[in-house]
Amino acid sequence: MAEEKKSKLYALKPLIERWPAITKPEGHVTFRTKIFWTLLCLILYFILTNVMIFGLKSNVIDLFAQYRFIMAGASGSIMHLGIGPIVTASIILQLFVGAKIINLDLTESEDKAIYQGTQKILVVVMIIVEAIPQIFGYLQPTEGLINLLGGNTALANSLIVIQLFVGAMLVFFMDELISKWGIGSGISLFIAAGVSRAIFTGIFNWLPVRGGELSMTNPPAGVIPGTYYLASHLTLREIVEGGYQTLFFGNARIGYTNSIVAL
C-alpha cells in the first residue's frame, strides 16, 4: 500500500540521481570557507552582470529594465533572466505540493529528496520557457551575427537563447553553492546585490543619461553628480522659472529620473 501512495515524481528518481549538483559538505564548514565561497560567488555575479550577450542589438527592448534588479538580473547581459526561473520553479512546485496535487510529504527524507531533485529539473524547464520568448521582438541578434552564421536568423536567435540559458544555469549553481558552502541563500544575496548596485549607481553615476558628451539635455545620470551639474549650469532665473522642477523631480523628456526627490 505504501508503494501505491508514492508520487508519480518517483519516476524521475533515476534522472535525479544522475543530475549534476553541488556536493554537500560532509562535516562542519568553517566560517572562513563560507565567507570565501560567498564572496567568490558575489564577485562572479557582478562580473557576469557586465558580460553582455554576444551578437545582441544595442537597442534592447526590455519592458522591465528598471525592475530587473529585483530579480537579480541585468538587462542585455547573460544574467538577463536573473533568479526568475529559480523563483518560478519553486513557487509552482510549492503550490502543487501544498494543494496536494503532488503527493509528497516533505517531512520524509526520501520525498524531500525527490522534491528538491524535481525542482532542479523544473528550473531548467523554466529557463527554457523564459528564454525563448525573449528573442521575439525583445532580444534581437545583430545583422553582423546573422551574416556570420550564413544568414541563418534562427541559428542567431538560438545562440542568444543558449547564452541566456548558460547565464541562468550559472545563477542556479551559484545559488546552490552558497546554500551548501556559503552564508544564507544565494537568491537573497543576489537580490540584495542587485538592489545595492542599483542604489549606488543611481546616486553616484557620473556618466551621461544617454551617453555621449555632457550637456544640459544630457546630464549625469546619478543624483549627486546630476544635481551638481544642473545646479552649476543653471542661472538663478532658469531655476526659478522651472529648473527647480528638473532638480527636484527630474525630467522625463531628457531621461533624467534620478532626481533629489527620487533619492
Protein backbone atom coordinates (compact mmCIF):
# COMPACT_ATOMS: atom_id res chain seq x y z
CA MET A 1 0.00 0.00 0.00
CA ALA A 2 2.86 2.34 0.82
CA GLU A 3 4.25 1.91 -2.67
CA GLU A 4 0.89 2.85 -4.22
CA LYS A 5 0.82 6.14 -2.35
CA LYS A 6 4.16 7.27 -3.69
CA SER A 7 4.13 10.24 -6.01
CA LYS A 8 4.50 9.76 -9.74
CA LEU A 9 7.53 12.02 -9.48
CA TYR A 10 9.43 8.96 -8.27
CA ALA A 11 9.64 8.04 -11.95
CA LEU A 12 12.21 10.84 -12.19
CA LYS A 13 14.38 9.28 -9.49
CA PRO A 14 16.94 7.75 -11.92
CA LEU A 15 17.34 11.14 -13.59
CA ILE A 16 17.50 12.97 -10.26
CA GLU A 17 20.25 10.66 -9.01
CA ARG A 18 22.34 11.45 -12.10
CA TRP A 19 21.54 15.16 -12.16
CA PRO A 20 24.61 17.40 -11.72
CA ALA A 21 24.65 19.03 -8.30
CA ILE A 22 26.95 20.74 -5.83
CA THR A 23 28.31 18.22 -3.34
CA LYS A 24 27.17 18.72 0.23
CA PRO A 25 29.87 19.27 2.85
CA GLU A 26 30.44 16.14 4.91
CA GLY A 27 31.33 17.95 8.09
CA HIS A 28 31.32 21.38 9.63
CA VAL A 29 32.07 24.23 7.23
CA THR A 30 34.32 26.84 8.78
CA PHE A 31 33.33 30.49 8.74
CA ARG A 32 36.35 31.35 6.61
CA THR A 33 35.26 28.81 3.99
CA LYS A 34 31.72 30.19 4.00
CA ILE A 35 33.00 33.73 3.55
CA PHE A 36 35.29 32.62 0.72
CA TRP A 37 32.57 30.92 -1.34
CA THR A 38 30.04 33.67 -0.65
CA LEU A 39 32.40 36.44 -1.76
CA LEU A 40 33.57 34.41 -4.75
CA CYS A 41 30.00 33.91 -5.98
CA LEU A 42 29.18 37.56 -5.32
CA ILE A 43 32.18 38.77 -7.33
CA LEU A 44 31.37 36.32 -10.11
CA TYR A 45 27.78 37.57 -10.11
CA PHE A 46 28.87 41.18 -10.59
CA ILE A 47 31.24 40.14 -13.38
CA LEU A 48 28.52 38.20 -15.19
CA THR A 49 26.08 41.12 -14.99
CA ASN A 50 28.59 43.05 -17.12
CA VAL A 51 29.06 40.29 -19.70
CA MET A 52 26.73 41.36 -22.48
CA ILE A 53 25.07 38.84 -24.76
CA PHE A 54 27.22 38.28 -27.84
CA GLY A 55 25.63 39.41 -31.08
CA LEU A 56 22.82 41.37 -29.44
CA LYS A 57 21.49 44.61 -30.90
CA SER A 58 22.29 47.69 -28.86
CA ASN A 59 18.68 48.90 -28.81
CA VAL A 60 17.43 46.20 -26.46
CA ILE A 61 13.72 46.35 -25.70
CA ASP A 62 13.22 45.49 -22.05
CA LEU A 63 9.86 46.46 -20.59
CA PHE A 64 11.05 45.61 -17.09
CA ALA A 65 14.56 47.07 -17.28
CA GLN A 66 14.01 49.36 -14.28
CA TYR A 67 12.76 46.48 -12.14
CA ARG A 68 15.06 43.71 -13.33
CA PHE A 69 17.43 44.25 -10.43
CA ILE A 70 14.69 42.96 -8.12
CA MET A 71 15.09 39.58 -9.81
CA ALA A 72 18.89 39.93 -9.68
CA GLY A 73 19.03 40.33 -13.45
CA ALA A 74 20.88 42.74 -15.71
CA SER A 75 19.23 43.84 -18.93
CA GLY A 76 21.04 42.71 -22.06
CA SER A 77 23.60 40.60 -20.21
CA ILE A 78 23.82 36.83 -19.89
CA MET A 79 22.24 37.40 -16.46
CA HIS A 80 19.16 38.85 -18.15
CA LEU A 81 16.82 36.27 -16.58
CA GLY A 82 18.38 36.51 -13.13
CA ILE A 83 16.74 34.34 -10.49
CA GLY A 84 13.39 34.41 -12.29
CA PRO A 85 13.41 30.75 -13.38
CA ILE A 86 14.51 29.57 -9.93
CA VAL A 87 11.78 31.51 -8.14
CA THR A 88 9.12 30.50 -10.66
CA ALA A 89 10.00 26.80 -10.43
CA SER A 90 9.99 26.96 -6.63
CA ILE A 91 6.59 28.68 -6.50
CA ILE A 92 4.99 26.23 -8.95
CA LEU A 93 6.24 23.19 -7.07
CA GLN A 94 5.26 24.61 -3.67
CA LEU A 95 1.75 25.33 -4.93
CA PHE A 96 1.36 21.82 -6.33
CA VAL A 97 2.63 20.18 -3.15
CA GLY A 98 0.60 22.49 -0.91
CA ALA A 99 -2.58 21.78 -2.88
CA LYS A 100 -1.86 18.02 -2.67
CA ILE A 101 -1.77 17.80 -6.45
CA ILE A 102 1.66 16.26 -5.98
CA ASN A 103 1.69 13.62 -3.28
CA LEU A 104 4.91 14.36 -1.41
CA ASP A 105 5.49 14.51 2.32
CA LEU A 106 8.38 16.92 2.85
CA THR A 107 8.91 15.63 6.37
CA GLU A 108 10.11 12.36 4.84
CA SER A 109 13.73 12.45 3.69
CA GLU A 110 13.07 10.40 0.55
CA ASP A 111 10.14 12.55 -0.53
CA LYS A 112 12.14 15.70 0.21
CA ALA A 113 14.98 14.45 -1.99
CA ILE A 114 12.53 13.83 -4.84
CA TYR A 115 11.04 17.29 -4.30
CA GLN A 116 14.43 19.01 -4.44
CA GLY A 117 15.51 16.98 -7.45
CA THR A 118 12.29 17.74 -9.30
CA GLN A 119 12.73 21.41 -8.53
CA LYS A 120 16.16 21.37 -10.18
CA ILE A 121 14.70 19.81 -13.31
CA LEU A 122 11.84 22.30 -13.31
CA VAL A 123 14.32 25.17 -13.05
CA VAL A 124 15.91 24.05 -16.32
CA VAL A 125 12.47 23.85 -17.93
CA MET A 126 11.60 27.35 -16.72
CA ILE A 127 14.90 28.73 -18.02
CA ILE A 128 13.98 27.49 -21.49
CA VAL A 129 10.39 28.71 -21.14
CA GLU A 130 11.53 32.20 -20.10
CA ALA A 131 14.47 32.44 -22.51
CA ILE A 132 12.77 31.56 -25.79
CA PRO A 133 10.12 34.36 -25.74
CA GLN A 134 12.90 36.93 -25.28
CA ILE A 135 14.01 36.57 -28.91
CA PHE A 136 10.59 37.50 -30.27
CA GLY A 137 10.83 41.28 -30.50
CA TYR A 138 12.97 41.88 -27.42
CA LEU A 139 16.48 40.45 -27.61
CA GLN A 140 17.28 40.50 -31.31
CA PRO A 141 20.56 39.49 -32.98
CA THR A 142 22.62 41.96 -34.96
CA GLU A 143 22.90 41.79 -38.72
CA GLY A 144 26.59 41.05 -38.25
CA LEU A 145 25.86 37.90 -36.24
CA ILE A 146 23.24 36.76 -38.75
CA ASN A 147 25.67 37.26 -41.63
CA LEU A 148 28.40 35.48 -39.68
CA LEU A 149 26.10 32.46 -39.41
CA GLY A 150 25.36 32.44 -43.11
CA GLY A 151 22.18 34.49 -42.92
CA ASN A 152 20.51 31.98 -40.62
CA THR A 153 18.33 34.09 -38.31
CA ALA A 154 17.02 31.05 -36.43
CA LEU A 155 20.57 29.99 -35.59
CA ALA A 156 21.41 33.52 -34.41
CA ASN A 157 18.34 33.54 -32.18
CA SER A 158 19.31 30.12 -30.85
CA LEU A 159 22.74 31.45 -29.94
CA ILE A 160 21.13 34.21 -27.86
CA VAL A 161 18.88 31.66 -26.12
CA ILE A 162 21.91 29.48 -25.36
CA GLN A 163 23.68 32.44 -23.75
CA LEU A 164 20.61 33.19 -21.64
CA PHE A 165 20.46 29.53 -20.66
CA VAL A 166 24.13 29.45 -19.63
CA GLY A 167 23.76 32.62 -17.56
CA ALA A 168 20.66 31.35 -15.76
CA MET A 169 22.30 27.99 -15.06
CA LEU A 170 25.32 29.74 -13.57
CA VAL A 171 22.98 31.65 -11.24
CA PHE A 172 21.31 28.38 -10.30
CA PHE A 173 24.59 26.63 -9.47
CA MET A 174 25.91 29.65 -7.57
CA ASP A 175 22.70 29.71 -5.52
CA GLU A 176 23.16 26.04 -4.68
CA LEU A 177 26.84 26.57 -3.89
CA ILE A 178 26.10 29.39 -1.46
CA SER A 179 23.27 27.44 0.17
CA LYS A 180 25.59 24.49 0.86
CA TRP A 181 29.01 26.08 1.31
CA GLY A 182 28.32 29.76 1.89
CA ILE A 183 26.27 32.01 4.11
CA GLY A 184 22.50 32.17 3.78
CA SER A 185 20.67 31.91 0.49
CA GLY A 186 22.15 32.72 -2.89
CA ILE A 187 18.83 34.13 -4.09
CA SER A 188 18.67 36.59 -1.20
CA LEU A 189 22.30 37.53 -1.72
CA PHE A 190 21.85 38.23 -5.43
CA ILE A 191 18.70 40.27 -4.84
CA ALA A 192 20.49 42.34 -2.20
CA ALA A 193 23.47 42.76 -4.53
CA GLY A 194 21.25 43.89 -7.41
CA VAL A 195 19.34 46.37 -5.26
CA SER A 196 22.55 47.72 -3.71
CA ARG A 197 24.13 48.22 -7.12
CA ALA A 198 21.02 50.00 -8.41
CA ILE A 199 21.03 52.34 -5.40
CA PHE A 200 24.76 53.04 -5.67
CA THR A 201 24.71 53.77 -9.40
CA GLY A 202 21.51 55.79 -9.04
CA ILE A 203 23.26 58.06 -6.55
CA PHE A 204 26.84 58.28 -7.83
CA ASN A 205 26.70 57.53 -11.57
CA TRP A 206 28.54 60.39 -13.33
CA LEU A 207 28.03 59.06 -16.86
CA PRO A 208 25.58 60.95 -19.12
CA VAL A 209 21.99 59.76 -19.24
CA ARG A 210 22.12 58.87 -22.94
CA GLY A 211 25.86 58.52 -23.42
CA GLY A 212 27.99 60.93 -25.41
CA GLU A 213 29.02 64.31 -24.05
CA LEU A 214 27.57 66.05 -21.01
CA SER A 215 25.08 68.81 -21.65
CA MET A 216 22.02 70.37 -20.08
CA THR A 217 19.86 67.93 -22.03
CA ASN A 218 22.20 65.03 -21.25
CA PRO A 219 23.29 65.44 -17.61
CA PRO A 220 24.99 62.82 -15.42
CA ALA A 221 22.58 60.02 -14.53
CA GLY A 222 23.35 59.90 -10.80
CA VAL A 223 21.55 62.05 -8.25
CA ILE A 224 24.61 63.75 -6.76
CA PRO A 225 26.63 64.44 -9.95
CA GLY A 226 23.44 65.22 -11.89
CA THR A 227 22.17 67.71 -9.32
CA TYR A 228 25.58 69.36 -9.07
CA TYR A 229 25.95 69.62 -12.84
CA LEU A 230 22.48 71.07 -13.41
CA ALA A 231 22.66 73.45 -10.45
CA SER A 232 26.07 74.76 -11.53
CA HIS A 233 24.92 75.37 -15.12
CA LEU A 234 21.50 76.86 -14.43
CA THR A 235 21.13 80.54 -13.74
CA LEU A 236 19.03 81.73 -10.83
CA ARG A 237 16.36 82.88 -13.26
CA GLU A 238 16.27 79.48 -15.01
CA ILE A 239 15.95 77.73 -11.66
CA VAL A 240 13.04 79.96 -10.62
CA GLU A 241 11.30 79.62 -13.99
CA GLY A 242 11.22 75.83 -13.90
CA GLY A 243 14.71 74.50 -13.45
CA TYR A 244 13.91 73.57 -9.86
CA GLN A 245 11.43 71.01 -11.18
CA THR A 246 14.22 69.20 -13.00
CA LEU A 247 16.45 69.35 -9.92
CA PHE A 248 13.83 68.05 -7.51
CA PHE A 249 11.52 65.92 -9.65
CA GLY A 250 13.60 65.04 -12.71
CA ASN A 251 12.78 65.46 -16.36
CA ALA A 252 11.42 62.51 -18.30
CA ARG A 253 11.88 64.37 -21.59
CA ILE A 254 15.66 64.25 -21.27
CA GLY A 255 15.67 60.93 -19.44
CA TYR A 256 16.84 62.37 -16.12
CA THR A 257 14.88 60.45 -13.48
CA ASN A 258 17.32 60.17 -10.57
CA SER A 259 16.29 63.47 -9.00
CA ILE A 260 16.57 64.68 -5.41
CA VAL A 261 13.02 63.55 -4.62
CA ALA A 262 13.79 60.12 -6.07
CA LEU A 263 16.74 59.90 -3.69
